[in-house]
PDB file of N, CA and C in Angstrom:
ATOM      1  N   UNK A   1     -29.196  23.865-111.007  1.00  0.00           N
ATOM      2  CA  UNK A   1     -28.909  24.827-111.897  1.00  0.00           C
ATOM      3  C   UNK A   1     -29.994  24.642-112.909  1.00  0.00           C
ATOM      4  N   UNK A   2     -30.788  23.670-113.155  1.00  0.00           N
ATOM      5  CA  UNK A   2     -32.113  23.853-114.513  1.00  0.00           C
ATOM      6  C   UNK A   2     -33.306  23.950-113.166  1.00  0.00           C
ATOM      7  N   UNK A   3     -33.220  23.412-112.131  1.00  0.00           N
ATOM      8  CA  UNK A   3     -34.302  24.008-110.953  1.00  0.00           C
ATOM      9  C   UNK A   3     -34.248  25.131-110.786  1.00  0.00           C
ATOM     10  N   UNK A   4     -33.492  26.023-110.815  1.00  0.00           N
ATOM     11  CA  UNK A   4     -33.269  27.463-110.593  1.00  0.00           C
ATOM     12  C   UNK A   4     -33.781  28.339-111.779  1.00  0.00           C
ATOM     13  N   UNK A   5     -33.631  28.150-112.485  1.00  0.00           N
ATOM     14  CA  UNK A   5     -34.408  28.590-113.891  1.00  0.00           C
ATOM     15  C   UNK A   5     -35.553  28.533-113.991  1.00  0.00           C
ATOM     16  N   UNK A   6     -35.865  27.394-113.794  1.00  0.00           N
ATOM     17  CA  UNK A   6     -37.483  26.932-113.863  1.00  0.00           C
ATOM     18  C   UNK A   6     -38.310  27.405-112.853  1.00  0.00           C
ATOM     19  N   UNK A   7     -37.692  28.086-111.408  1.00  0.00           N
ATOM     20  CA  UNK A   7     -38.579  28.539-109.940  1.00  0.00           C
ATOM     21  C   UNK A   7     -38.292  29.658-110.538  1.00  0.00           C
ATOM     22  N   UNK A   8     -37.631  30.651-111.387  1.00  0.00           N
ATOM     23  CA  UNK A   8     -37.447  31.777-111.616  1.00  0.00           C
ATOM     24  C   UNK A   8     -38.407  32.222-112.784  1.00  0.00           C
ATOM     25  N   UNK A   9     -38.703  31.087-114.033  1.00  0.00           N
ATOM     26  CA  UNK A   9     -39.527  31.644-114.444  1.00  0.00           C
ATOM     27  C   UNK A   9     -41.152  31.439-114.037  1.00  0.00           C
ATOM     28  N   UNK A  10     -41.119  30.527-113.307  1.00  0.00           N
ATOM     29  CA  UNK A  10     -42.571  30.374-112.518  1.00  0.00           C
ATOM     30  C   UNK A  10     -42.768  31.780-111.669  1.00  0.00           C
ATOM     31  N   UNK A  11     -41.680  32.222-111.060  1.00  0.00           N
ATOM     32  CA  UNK A  11     -42.132  33.594-110.171  1.00  0.00           C
ATOM     33  C   UNK A  11     -42.374  34.822-111.319  1.00  0.00           C
ATOM     34  N   UNK A  12     -41.582  34.687-112.445  1.00  0.00           N
ATOM     35  CA  UNK A  12     -41.882  35.709-113.567  1.00  0.00           C
ATOM     36  C   UNK A  12     -43.239  35.331-113.808  1.00  0.00           C
ATOM     37  N   UNK A  13     -44.062  34.039-114.260  1.00  0.00           N
ATOM     38  CA  UNK A  13     -45.002  34.053-114.998  1.00  0.00           C
ATOM     39  C   UNK A  13     -46.234  34.548-113.832  1.00  0.00           C
ATOM     40  N   UNK A  14     -45.869  34.194-112.571  1.00  0.00           N
ATOM     41  CA  UNK A  14     -46.937  34.430-111.256  1.00  0.00           C
ATOM     42  C   UNK A  14     -46.897  35.847-111.311  1.00  0.00           C
ATOM     43  N   UNK A  15     -45.831  36.650-111.294  1.00  0.00           N
ATOM     44  CA  UNK A  15     -45.705  38.120-111.029  1.00  0.00           C
ATOM     45  C   UNK A  15     -46.497  38.732-112.400  1.00  0.00           C
ATOM     46  N   UNK A  16     -46.561  38.456-113.591  1.00  0.00           N
ATOM     47  CA  UNK A  16     -46.880  38.907-114.890  1.00  0.00           C
ATOM     48  C   UNK A  16     -48.272  38.451-114.623  1.00  0.00           C
ATOM     49  N   UNK A  17     -48.762  37.345-114.424  1.00  0.00           N
ATOM     50  CA  UNK A  17     -50.005  37.057-114.323  1.00  0.00           C
ATOM     51  C   UNK A  17     -50.940  37.880-113.298  1.00  0.00           C
ATOM     52  N   UNK A  18     -50.095  38.130-112.240  1.00  0.00           N
ATOM     53  CA  UNK A  18     -50.852  39.071-111.241  1.00  0.00           C
ATOM     54  C   UNK A  18     -50.864  40.530-111.592  1.00  0.00           C
ATOM     55  N   UNK A  19     -49.694  41.053-112.269  1.00  0.00           N
ATOM     56  CA  UNK A  19     -49.838  42.446-112.524  1.00  0.00           C
ATOM     57  C   UNK A  19     -50.874  42.497-114.089  1.00  0.00           C
ATOM     58  N   UNK A  20     -51.111  41.828-114.689  1.00  0.00           N
ATOM     59  CA  UNK A  20     -52.030  41.740-115.421  1.00  0.00           C
ATOM     60  C   UNK A  20     -53.376  41.821-114.688  1.00  0.00           C
ATOM     61  N   UNK A  21     -53.647  41.063-113.740  1.00  0.00           N
ATOM     62  CA  UNK A  21     -54.904  41.002-113.116  1.00  0.00           C
ATOM     63  C   UNK A  21     -54.857  42.401-112.259  1.00  0.00           C
ATOM     64  N   UNK A  22     -54.047  43.083-111.614  1.00  0.00           N
ATOM     65  CA  UNK A  22     -54.425  43.868-111.043  1.00  0.00           C
ATOM     66  C   UNK A  22     -54.446  45.400-111.996  1.00  0.00           C
ATOM     67  N   UNK A  23     -53.824  45.117-113.292  1.00  0.00           N
ATOM     68  CA  UNK A  23     -53.879  46.199-114.505  1.00  0.00           C
ATOM     69  C   UNK A  23     -55.472  46.026-114.787  1.00  0.00           C
ATOM     70  N   UNK A  24     -55.974  44.744-114.836  1.00  0.00           N
ATOM     71  CA  UNK A  24     -57.220  44.615-115.564  1.00  0.00           C
ATOM     72  C   UNK A  24     -58.234  45.419-114.706  1.00  0.00           C
ATOM     73  N   UNK A  25     -57.938  44.784-113.301  1.00  0.00           N
ATOM     74  CA  UNK A  25     -59.023  45.470-112.125  1.00  0.00           C
ATOM     75  C   UNK A  25     -58.839  47.112-112.009  1.00  0.00           C
ATOM     76  N   UNK A  26     -58.096  47.620-112.791  1.00  0.00           N
ATOM     77  CA  UNK A  26     -57.947  49.066-112.493  1.00  0.00           C
ATOM     78  C   UNK A  26     -59.212  50.069-113.763  1.00  0.00           C
ATOM     79  N   UNK A  27     -59.275  49.425-114.575  1.00  0.00           N
ATOM     80  CA  UNK A  27     -60.003  49.602-115.697  1.00  0.00           C
ATOM     81  C   UNK A  27     -61.146  50.413-114.956  1.00  0.00           C
ATOM     82  N   UNK A  28     -61.619  51.430-116.608  1.00  0.00           N
ATOM     83  CA  UNK A  28     -62.619  52.082-115.598  1.00  0.00           C
ATOM     84  C   UNK A  28     -63.880  51.539-116.125  1.00  0.00           C
ATOM     85  N   UNK A  29     -64.788  51.888-115.426  1.00  0.00           N
ATOM     86  CA  UNK A  29     -66.422  50.921-115.807  1.00  0.00           C
ATOM     87  C   UNK A  29     -67.541  51.738-116.603  1.00  0.00           C
ATOM     88  N   UNK A  30     -66.906  51.670-117.885  1.00  0.00           N
ATOM     89  CA  UNK A  30     -67.822  52.126-118.969  1.00  0.00           C
ATOM     90  C   UNK A  30     -68.916  51.935-119.267  1.00  0.00           C
ATOM     91  N   UNK A  31     -69.644  50.856-118.771  1.00  0.00           N
ATOM     92  CA  UNK A  31     -70.892  49.875-119.066  1.00  0.00           C
ATOM     93  C   UNK A  31     -72.037  50.394-118.475  1.00  0.00           C
ATOM     94  N   UNK A  32     -71.419  51.216-117.313  1.00  0.00           N
ATOM     95  CA  UNK A  32     -72.542  51.175-115.974  1.00  0.00           C
ATOM     96  C   UNK A  32     -73.234  50.297-115.087  1.00  0.00           C
ATOM     97  N   UNK A  33     -72.602  49.265-115.183  1.00  0.00           N
ATOM     98  CA  UNK A  33     -73.109  48.044-114.094  1.00  0.00           C
ATOM     99  C   UNK A  33     -72.205  48.462-113.093  1.00  0.00           C
ATOM    100  N   UNK A  34     -73.151  48.035-111.752  1.00  0.00           N
ATOM    101  CA  UNK A  34     -72.547  48.042-111.119  1.00  0.00           C
ATOM    102  C   UNK A  34     -73.320  47.210-109.848  1.00  0.00           C
ATOM    103  N   UNK A  35     -72.433  46.243-108.999  1.00  0.00           N
ATOM    104  CA  UNK A  35     -73.431  45.605-108.583  1.00  0.00           C
ATOM    105  C   UNK A  35     -74.107  45.985-107.134  1.00  0.00           C
ATOM    106  N   UNK A  36     -73.314  47.116-106.650  1.00  0.00           N
ATOM    107  CA  UNK A  36     -73.698  47.685-105.126  1.00  0.00           C
ATOM    108  C   UNK A  36     -74.447  49.206-105.628  1.00  0.00           C
ATOM    109  N   UNK A  37     -74.876  49.201-107.105  1.00  0.00           N
ATOM    110  CA  UNK A  37     -75.875  50.343-107.159  1.00  0.00           C
ATOM    111  C   UNK A  37     -76.681  50.021-107.831  1.00  0.00           C
ATOM    112  N   UNK A  38     -77.790  49.083-107.278  1.00  0.00           N
ATOM    113  CA  UNK A  38     -79.149  48.712-108.215  1.00  0.00           C
ATOM    114  C   UNK A  38     -79.790  49.737-108.763  1.00  0.00           C
ATOM    115  N   UNK A  39     -80.297  49.461-109.480  1.00  0.00           N
ATOM    116  CA  UNK A  39     -81.197  50.447-110.388  1.00  0.00           C
ATOM    117  C   UNK A  39     -82.610  50.134-110.372  1.00  0.00           C
ATOM    118  N   UNK A  40     -82.911  48.430-110.485  1.00  0.00           N
ATOM    119  CA  UNK A  40     -84.096  47.932-110.773  1.00  0.00           C
ATOM    120  C   UNK A  40     -84.968  47.474-109.843  1.00  0.00           C
ATOM    121  N   UNK A  41     -86.093  46.849-109.248  1.00  0.00           N
ATOM    122  CA  UNK A  41     -86.624  46.640-108.155  1.00  0.00           C
ATOM    123  C   UNK A  41     -86.265  45.089-107.521  1.00  0.00           C
ATOM    124  N   UNK A  42     -85.891  44.262-108.791  1.00  0.00           N
ATOM    125  CA  UNK A  42     -85.457  42.981-108.575  1.00  0.00           C
ATOM    126  C   UNK A  42     -83.991  43.250-108.367  1.00  0.00           C
ATOM    127  N   UNK A  43     -83.345  44.227-108.578  1.00  0.00           N
ATOM    128  CA  UNK A  43     -81.952  44.343-108.134  1.00  0.00           C
ATOM    129  C   UNK A  43     -81.699  44.947-106.693  1.00  0.00           C
ATOM    130  N   UNK A  44     -82.667  45.593-106.500  1.00  0.00           N
ATOM    131  CA  UNK A  44     -82.756  46.319-105.115  1.00  0.00           C
ATOM    132  C   UNK A  44     -83.129  45.192-104.206  1.00  0.00           C
ATOM    133  N   UNK A  45     -83.785  44.166-104.386  1.00  0.00           N
ATOM    134  CA  UNK A  45     -84.503  43.127-103.495  1.00  0.00           C
ATOM    135  C   UNK A  45     -83.228  42.090-103.236  1.00  0.00           C
ATOM    136  N   UNK A  46     -82.340  41.940-104.319  1.00  0.00           N
ATOM    137  CA  UNK A  46     -80.999  41.165-104.080  1.00  0.00           C
ATOM    138  C   UNK A  46     -79.957  41.993-103.065  1.00  0.00           C
ATOM    139  N   UNK A  47     -79.717  43.618-103.491  1.00  0.00           N
ATOM    140  CA  UNK A  47     -78.815  43.967-102.510  1.00  0.00           C
ATOM    141  C   UNK A  47     -79.159  43.965-101.412  1.00  0.00           C
ATOM    142  N   UNK A  48     -80.724  43.979-101.268  1.00  0.00           N
ATOM    143  CA  UNK A  48     -81.348  44.023 -99.993  1.00  0.00           C
ATOM    144  C   UNK A  48     -80.895  43.044 -98.934  1.00  0.00           C
ATOM    145  N   UNK A  49     -80.816  41.955 -99.458  1.00  0.00           N
ATOM    146  CA  UNK A  49     -80.466  40.429 -99.085  1.00  0.00           C
ATOM    147  C   UNK A  49     -78.860  40.277 -99.064  1.00  0.00           C
ATOM    148  N   UNK A  50     -78.134  40.977-100.150  1.00  0.00           N
ATOM    149  CA  UNK A  50     -76.527  40.699 -99.978  1.00  0.00           C
ATOM    150  C   UNK A  50     -75.979  41.208 -98.814  1.00  0.00           C
ATOM    151  N   UNK A  51     -76.326  43.078 -98.886  1.00  0.00           N
ATOM    152  CA  UNK A  51     -75.746  43.676 -97.924  1.00  0.00           C
ATOM    153  C   UNK A  51     -75.550  42.961 -96.617  1.00  0.00           C
ATOM    154  N   UNK A  52     -76.835  42.624 -95.502  1.00  0.00           N
ATOM    155  CA  UNK A  52     -77.094  42.286 -94.436  1.00  0.00           C
ATOM    156  C   UNK A  52     -76.039  40.936 -94.551  1.00  0.00           C
ATOM    157  N   UNK A  53     -76.286  40.001 -95.492  1.00  0.00           N
ATOM    158  CA  UNK A  53     -75.481  38.733 -95.341  1.00  0.00           C
ATOM    159  C   UNK A  53     -73.958  39.047 -95.555  1.00  0.00           C
ATOM    160  N   UNK A  54     -73.546  39.812 -96.280  1.00  0.00           N
ATOM    161  CA  UNK A  54     -72.198  40.361 -96.442  1.00  0.00           C
ATOM    162  C   UNK A  54     -71.653  40.838 -95.120  1.00  0.00           C
ATOM    163  N   UNK A  55     -72.130  42.198 -94.359  1.00  0.00           N
ATOM    164  CA  UNK A  55     -71.616  42.319 -92.849  1.00  0.00           C
ATOM    165  C   UNK A  55     -71.799  41.183 -91.632  1.00  0.00           C
ATOM    166  N   UNK A  56     -72.574  40.044 -92.092  1.00  0.00           N
ATOM    167  CA  UNK A  56     -72.542  38.966 -91.134  1.00  0.00           C
ATOM    168  C   UNK A  56     -71.461  38.001 -91.385  1.00  0.00           C
ATOM    169  N   UNK A  57     -71.268  38.248 -92.781  1.00  0.00           N
ATOM    170  CA  UNK A  57     -69.979  37.194 -93.153  1.00  0.00           C
ATOM    171  C   UNK A  57     -68.466  37.759 -92.736  1.00  0.00           C
ATOM    172  N   UNK A  58     -68.653  39.329 -92.984  1.00  0.00           N
ATOM    173  CA  UNK A  58     -67.297  39.975 -92.191  1.00  0.00           C
ATOM    174  C   UNK A  58     -67.161  39.956 -90.617  1.00  0.00           C
ATOM    175  N   UNK A  59     -68.124  39.967 -90.339  1.00  0.00           N
ATOM    176  CA  UNK A  59     -67.967  40.130 -88.607  1.00  0.00           C
ATOM    177  C   UNK A  59     -67.380  38.363 -88.260  1.00  0.00           C
ATOM    178  N   UNK A  60     -68.354  37.249 -89.071  1.00  0.00           N
ATOM    179  CA  UNK A  60     -67.796  36.472 -88.622  1.00  0.00           C
ATOM    180  C   UNK A  60     -66.775  35.902 -88.778  1.00  0.00           C
ATOM    181  N   UNK A  61     -66.202  36.329 -89.918  1.00  0.00           N
ATOM    182  CA  UNK A  61     -64.342  36.110 -90.505  1.00  0.00           C
ATOM    183  C   UNK A  61     -63.565  36.690 -89.891  1.00  0.00           C
ATOM    184  N   UNK A  62     -64.025  38.452 -89.355  1.00  0.00           N
ATOM    185  CA  UNK A  62     -63.286  38.820 -88.149  1.00  0.00           C
ATOM    186  C   UNK A  62     -62.992  37.734 -86.938  1.00  0.00           C
ATOM    187  N   UNK A  63     -63.943  37.561 -86.789  1.00  0.00           N
ATOM    188  CA  UNK A  63     -64.260  36.835 -85.294  1.00  0.00           C
ATOM    189  C   UNK A  63     -63.411  35.410 -85.236  1.00  0.00           C
ATOM    190  N   UNK A  64     -63.268  34.691 -86.910  1.00  0.00           N
ATOM    191  CA  UNK A  64     -62.204  33.378 -87.006  1.00  0.00           C
ATOM    192  C   UNK A  64     -61.236  33.914 -87.247  1.00  0.00           C
ATOM    193  N   UNK A  65     -60.552  34.635 -87.910  1.00  0.00           N
ATOM    194  CA  UNK A  65     -59.455  35.295 -87.650  1.00  0.00           C
ATOM    195  C   UNK A  65     -58.888  35.768 -86.371  1.00  0.00           C
ATOM    196  N   UNK A  66     -59.613  36.613 -85.521  1.00  0.00           N
ATOM    197  CA  UNK A  66     -58.930  36.892 -84.594  1.00  0.00           C
ATOM    198  C   UNK A  66     -59.192  35.983 -83.561  1.00  0.00           C
ATOM    199  N   UNK A  67     -59.717  34.767 -83.206  1.00  0.00           N
ATOM    200  CA  UNK A  67     -59.873  33.687 -82.452  1.00  0.00           C
ATOM    201  C   UNK A  67     -58.282  32.801 -83.112  1.00  0.00           C
ATOM    202  N   UNK A  68     -58.322  32.604 -84.279  1.00  0.00           N
ATOM    203  CA  UNK A  68     -56.643  31.809 -84.403  1.00  0.00           C
ATOM    204  C   UNK A  68     -55.757  32.722 -83.943  1.00  0.00           C
ATOM    205  N   UNK A  69     -56.019  33.675 -84.253  1.00  0.00           N
ATOM    206  CA  UNK A  69     -54.502  34.539 -83.861  1.00  0.00           C
ATOM    207  C   UNK A  69     -54.235  34.378 -82.365  1.00  0.00           C
ATOM    208  N   UNK A  70     -55.171  34.480 -81.813  1.00  0.00           N
ATOM    209  CA  UNK A  70     -55.351  34.465 -80.112  1.00  0.00           C
ATOM    210  C   UNK A  70     -54.861  33.218 -79.472  1.00  0.00           C
ATOM    211  N   UNK A  71     -55.690  31.905 -80.302  1.00  0.00           N
ATOM    212  CA  UNK A  71     -55.193  31.070 -79.353  1.00  0.00           C
ATOM    213  C   UNK A  71     -53.630  30.452 -80.291  1.00  0.00           C
ATOM    214  N   UNK A  72     -53.257  31.000 -81.222  1.00  0.00           N
ATOM    215  CA  UNK A  72     -51.853  30.768 -82.004  1.00  0.00           C
ATOM    216  C   UNK A  72     -51.011  31.196 -80.905  1.00  0.00           C
ATOM    217  N   UNK A  73     -50.932  32.379 -80.234  1.00  0.00           N
ATOM    218  CA  UNK A  73     -50.191  33.102 -79.643  1.00  0.00           C
ATOM    219  C   UNK A  73     -50.385  32.174 -78.067  1.00  0.00           C
ATOM    220  N   UNK A  74     -51.592  31.897 -77.345  1.00  0.00           N
ATOM    221  CA  UNK A  74     -51.655  31.322 -76.551  1.00  0.00           C
ATOM    222  C   UNK A  74     -51.497  30.019 -76.205  1.00  0.00           C
ATOM    223  N   UNK A  75     -51.349  29.442 -77.246  1.00  0.00           N
ATOM    224  CA  UNK A  75     -50.687  27.838 -77.185  1.00  0.00           C
ATOM    225  C   UNK A  75     -49.635  27.699 -77.966  1.00  0.00           C
ATOM    226  N   UNK A  76     -48.825  28.440 -77.856  1.00  0.00           N
ATOM    227  CA  UNK A  76     -47.811  28.362 -78.753  1.00  0.00           C
ATOM    228  C   UNK A  76     -46.709  27.303 -78.096  1.00  0.00           C
ATOM    229  N   UNK A  77     -45.859  27.076 -78.954  1.00  0.00           N
ATOM    230  CA  UNK A  77     -44.599  26.387 -77.862  1.00  0.00           C
ATOM    231  C   UNK A  77     -43.746  27.404 -76.901  1.00  0.00           C
ATOM    232  N   UNK A  78     -43.680  26.728 -75.864  1.00  0.00           N
ATOM    233  CA  UNK A  78     -42.848  27.432 -74.704  1.00  0.00           C
ATOM    234  C   UNK A  78     -42.046  26.235 -74.221  1.00  0.00           C
ATOM    235  N   UNK A  79     -40.871  26.758 -73.787  1.00  0.00           N
ATOM    236  CA  UNK A  79     -40.089  26.217 -73.057  1.00  0.00           C
ATOM    237  C   UNK A  79     -40.281  25.589 -71.353  1.00  0.00           C
ATOM    238  N   UNK A  80     -39.921  24.300 -71.379  1.00  0.00           N
ATOM    239  CA  UNK A  80     -40.342  23.895 -70.262  1.00  0.00           C
ATOM    240  C   UNK A  80     -41.895  23.277 -70.314  1.00  0.00           C
ATOM    241  N   UNK A  81     -42.831  23.807 -71.122  1.00  0.00           N
ATOM    242  CA  UNK A  81     -44.167  23.298 -70.822  1.00  0.00           C
ATOM    243  C   UNK A  81     -44.359  22.118 -72.014  1.00  0.00           C
ATOM    244  N   UNK A  82     -45.465  21.552 -71.317  1.00  0.00           N
ATOM    245  CA  UNK A  82     -45.904  20.123 -72.368  1.00  0.00           C
ATOM    246  C   UNK A  82     -46.211  20.365 -73.783  1.00  0.00           C
ATOM    247  N   UNK A  83     -45.641  19.736 -74.529  1.00  0.00           N
ATOM    248  CA  UNK A  83     -45.988  20.003 -76.622  1.00  0.00           C
ATOM    249  C   UNK A  83     -47.442  19.701 -76.614  1.00  0.00           C
ATOM    250  N   UNK A  84     -48.380  19.047 -75.833  1.00  0.00           N
ATOM    251  CA  UNK A  84     -49.563  18.962 -76.542  1.00  0.00           C
ATOM    252  C   UNK A  84     -50.592  19.293 -75.100  1.00  0.00           C
ATOM    253  N   UNK A  85     -51.522  20.525 -75.776  1.00  0.00           N
ATOM    254  CA  UNK A  85     -52.325  20.848 -74.313  1.00  0.00           C
ATOM    255  C   UNK A  85     -53.235  20.019 -74.061  1.00  0.00           C
ATOM    256  N   UNK A  86     -53.786  20.273 -73.383  1.00  0.00           N
ATOM    257  CA  UNK A  86     -54.989  19.454 -72.291  1.00  0.00           C
ATOM    258  C   UNK A  86     -56.316  18.969 -73.535  1.00  0.00           C
ATOM    259  N   UNK A  87     -56.458  17.554 -73.751  1.00  0.00           N
ATOM    260  CA  UNK A  87     -57.415  17.464 -74.634  1.00  0.00           C
ATOM    261  C   UNK A  87     -58.519  17.367 -74.160  1.00  0.00           C
ATOM    262  N   UNK A  88     -59.633  17.804 -75.277  1.00  0.00           N
ATOM    263  CA  UNK A  88     -60.826  18.066 -74.469  1.00  0.00           C
ATOM    264  C   UNK A  88     -61.854  16.639 -75.193  1.00  0.00           C
ATOM    265  N   UNK A  89     -61.404  15.766 -75.900  1.00  0.00           N
ATOM    266  CA  UNK A  89     -62.421  14.757 -76.684  1.00  0.00           C
ATOM    267  C   UNK A  89     -63.449  14.091 -75.888  1.00  0.00           C
ATOM    268  N   UNK A  90     -64.534  14.377 -76.275  1.00  0.00           N
ATOM    269  CA  UNK A  90     -65.792  13.847 -75.717  1.00  0.00           C
ATOM    270  C   UNK A  90     -66.865  14.720 -75.019  1.00  0.00           C
ATOM    271  N   UNK A  91     -66.036  16.068 -74.864  1.00  0.00           N
ATOM    272  CA  UNK A  91     -66.794  16.995 -74.395  1.00  0.00           C
ATOM    273  C   UNK A  91     -68.104  17.270 -74.985  1.00  0.00           C
ATOM    274  N   UNK A  92     -69.306  16.646 -74.541  1.00  0.00           N
ATOM    275  CA  UNK A  92     -70.473  16.825 -74.840  1.00  0.00           C
ATOM    276  C   UNK A  92     -70.875  18.391 -74.923  1.00  0.00           C
ATOM    277  N   UNK A  93     -70.867  19.460 -74.349  1.00  0.00           N
ATOM    278  CA  UNK A  93     -71.217  20.806 -74.354  1.00  0.00           C
ATOM    279  C   UNK A  93     -70.458  21.393 -75.636  1.00  0.00           C
ATOM    280  N   UNK A  94     -68.941  21.313 -75.817  1.00  0.00           N
ATOM    281  CA  UNK A  94     -68.410  21.857 -76.790  1.00  0.00           C
ATOM    282  C   UNK A  94     -68.806  21.416 -78.402  1.00  0.00           C
ATOM    283  N   UNK A  95     -69.252  20.064 -78.343  1.00  0.00           N
ATOM    284  CA  UNK A  95     -69.760  19.232 -79.551  1.00  0.00           C
ATOM    285  C   UNK A  95     -70.872  20.166 -80.118  1.00  0.00           C
ATOM    286  N   UNK A  96     -71.982  20.087 -78.922  1.00  0.00           N
ATOM    287  CA  UNK A  96     -72.813  20.392 -79.315  1.00  0.00           C
ATOM    288  C   UNK A  96     -73.027  21.960 -79.439  1.00  0.00           C
ATOM    289  N   UNK A  97     -72.010  22.827 -79.197  1.00  0.00           N
ATOM    290  CA  UNK A  97     -71.866  24.160 -79.426  1.00  0.00           C
ATOM    291  C   UNK A  97     -71.426  24.537 -80.805  1.00  0.00           C
ATOM    292  N   UNK A  98     -70.298  23.454 -81.347  1.00  0.00           N
ATOM    293  CA  UNK A  98     -69.839  23.560 -82.400  1.00  0.00           C
ATOM    294  C   UNK A  98     -70.637  23.011 -83.594  1.00  0.00           C
ATOM    295  N   UNK A  99     -71.952  22.581 -83.067  1.00  0.00           N
ATOM    296  CA  UNK A  99     -72.596  21.961 -83.985  1.00  0.00           C
ATOM    297  C   UNK A  99     -73.601  23.086 -84.188  1.00  0.00           C
ATOM    298  N   UNK A 100     -74.831  23.519 -83.759  1.00  0.00           N
ATOM    299  CA  UNK A 100     -75.637  24.360 -83.395  1.00  0.00           C
ATOM    300  C   UNK A 100     -75.037  25.823 -83.916  1.00  0.00           C
ATOM    301  N   UNK A 101     -73.671  26.250 -83.728  1.00  0.00           N
ATOM    302  CA  UNK A 101     -73.405  27.871 -84.064  1.00  0.00           C
ATOM    303  C   UNK A 101     -73.596  27.493 -85.292  1.00  0.00           C
ATOM    304  N   UNK A 102     -72.925  26.949 -86.708  1.00  0.00           N
ATOM    305  CA  UNK A 102     -72.803  27.301 -87.590  1.00  0.00           C
ATOM    306  C   UNK A 102     -74.513  27.106 -88.293  1.00  0.00           C
ATOM    307  N   UNK A 103     -75.141  25.897 -87.445  1.00  0.00           N
ATOM    308  CA  UNK A 103     -76.514  25.483 -87.799  1.00  0.00           C
ATOM    309  C   UNK A 103     -77.488  26.761 -87.557  1.00  0.00           C
ATOM    310  N   UNK A 104     -77.077  27.535 -86.645  1.00  0.00           N
ATOM    311  CA  UNK A 104     -78.006  29.012 -86.225  1.00  0.00           C
ATOM    312  C   UNK A 104     -77.515  29.864 -87.500  1.00  0.00           C
ATOM    313  N   UNK A 105     -76.338  29.896 -88.482  1.00  0.00           N
ATOM    314  CA  UNK A 105     -75.635  31.091 -88.841  1.00  0.00           C
ATOM    315  C   UNK A 105     -76.508  30.405 -90.214  1.00  0.00           C
ATOM    316  N   UNK A 106     -76.210  29.288 -90.548  1.00  0.00           N
ATOM    317  CA  UNK A 106     -76.919  28.755 -91.904  1.00  0.00           C
ATOM    318  C   UNK A 106     -78.099  29.199 -91.695  1.00  0.00           C
ATOM    319  N   UNK A 107     -79.072  28.780 -90.645  1.00  0.00           N
ATOM    320  CA  UNK A 107     -80.577  29.341 -90.958  1.00  0.00           C
ATOM    321  C   UNK A 107     -80.896  30.846 -90.839  1.00  0.00           C
ATOM    322  N   UNK A 108     -80.061  31.865 -90.196  1.00  0.00           N
ATOM    323  CA  UNK A 108     -80.244  32.749 -90.274  1.00  0.00           C
ATOM    324  C   UNK A 108     -80.157  33.321 -91.771  1.00  0.00           C
ATOM    325  N   UNK A 109     -78.938  32.610 -92.618  1.00  0.00           N
ATOM    326  CA  UNK A 109     -78.704  33.001 -93.911  1.00  0.00           C
ATOM    327  C   UNK A 109     -79.700  32.792 -94.848  1.00  0.00           C
ATOM    328  N   UNK A 110     -80.156  31.134 -94.708  1.00  0.00           N
ATOM    329  CA  UNK A 110     -80.977  30.656 -95.611  1.00  0.00           C
ATOM    330  C   UNK A 110     -82.696  30.862 -95.567  1.00  0.00           C
ATOM    331  N   UNK A 111     -83.207  31.306 -94.171  1.00  0.00           N
ATOM    332  CA  UNK A 111     -84.366  31.917 -94.438  1.00  0.00           C
ATOM    333  C   UNK A 111     -84.489  32.918 -95.572  1.00  0.00           C
ATOM    334  N   UNK A 112     -83.563  34.143 -95.041  1.00  0.00           N
ATOM    335  CA  UNK A 112     -84.201  35.213 -96.063  1.00  0.00           C
ATOM    336  C   UNK A 112     -83.498  35.202 -97.694  1.00  0.00           C
ATOM    337  N   UNK A 113     -82.645  34.421 -97.569  1.00  0.00           N
ATOM    338  CA  UNK A 113     -82.113  33.343 -98.958  1.00  0.00           C
ATOM    339  C   UNK A 113     -83.399  33.234 -99.724  1.00  0.00           C
ATOM    340  N   UNK A 114     -83.975  31.924 -99.443  1.00  0.00           N
ATOM    341  CA  UNK A 114     -85.279  31.240 -99.684  1.00  0.00           C
ATOM    342  C   UNK A 114     -86.204  32.352 -99.805  1.00  0.00           C
ATOM    343  N   UNK A 115     -86.488  33.034 -99.104  1.00  0.00           N
ATOM    344  CA  UNK A 115     -87.701  33.939 -98.986  1.00  0.00           C
ATOM    345  C   UNK A 115     -87.756  35.037-100.640  1.00  0.00           C
ATOM    346  N   UNK A 116     -86.114  35.402-100.860  1.00  0.00           N
ATOM    347  CA  UNK A 116     -86.039  36.365-101.924  1.00  0.00           C
ATOM    348  C   UNK A 116     -86.021  35.569-102.797  1.00  0.00           C
ATOM    349  N   UNK A 117     -85.787  34.318-102.632  1.00  0.00           N
ATOM    350  CA  UNK A 117     -85.580  33.490-104.232  1.00  0.00           C
ATOM    351  C   UNK A 117     -87.278  33.463-104.770  1.00  0.00           C
ATOM    352  N   UNK A 118     -87.816  32.877-103.492  1.00  0.00           N
ATOM    353  CA  UNK A 118     -89.209  32.715-103.918  1.00  0.00           C
ATOM    354  C   UNK A 118     -90.090  33.877-104.448  1.00  0.00           C
ATOM    355  N   UNK A 119     -89.556  34.897-103.857  1.00  0.00           N
ATOM    356  CA  UNK A 119     -90.205  36.581-104.502  1.00  0.00           C
ATOM    357  C   UNK A 119     -89.655  37.062-105.607  1.00  0.00           C
ATOM    358  N   UNK A 120     -88.868  36.402-106.010  1.00  0.00           N
ATOM    359  CA  UNK A 120     -88.398  36.745-107.120  1.00  0.00           C
ATOM    360  C   UNK A 120     -88.541  35.847-108.402  1.00  0.00           C
ATOM    361  N   UNK A 121     -88.858  34.671-108.001  1.00  0.00           N
ATOM    362  CA  UNK A 121     -89.260  33.931-108.898  1.00  0.00           C
ATOM    363  C   UNK A 121     -91.101  33.817-109.348  1.00  0.00           C
ATOM    364  N   UNK A 122     -91.526  34.647-108.735  1.00  0.00           N
ATOM    365  CA  UNK A 122     -92.843  35.196-109.162  1.00  0.00           C
ATOM    366  C   UNK A 122     -93.011  36.297-110.134  1.00  0.00           C
TER     367      UNK A 122
END
């Protein structure tokens, strides 16, 4: 009985915190600050760096979520099929691939970030 009361209180507290967060996000922006509407030259340089990286991150995120859903449906449990899929341990091309792809993504993000950082530091 006591566990139910604690569970209810935790749910109510979580809902209250969530409601406060939503209401705080609905406030009007009276101070004129907007990170997606740069006014100065430095803010414009940062925005010119942020937007392409944001687009790249969205594309990669969509690809990862799509692949996860596709593979979850493709390899789900079915009657009459073995539980374990074919194992690919020790596949050199796959291991090289999933090492190089993140390396290339990080390089694509790092090069303009470092260049912009040095440019802003001057």
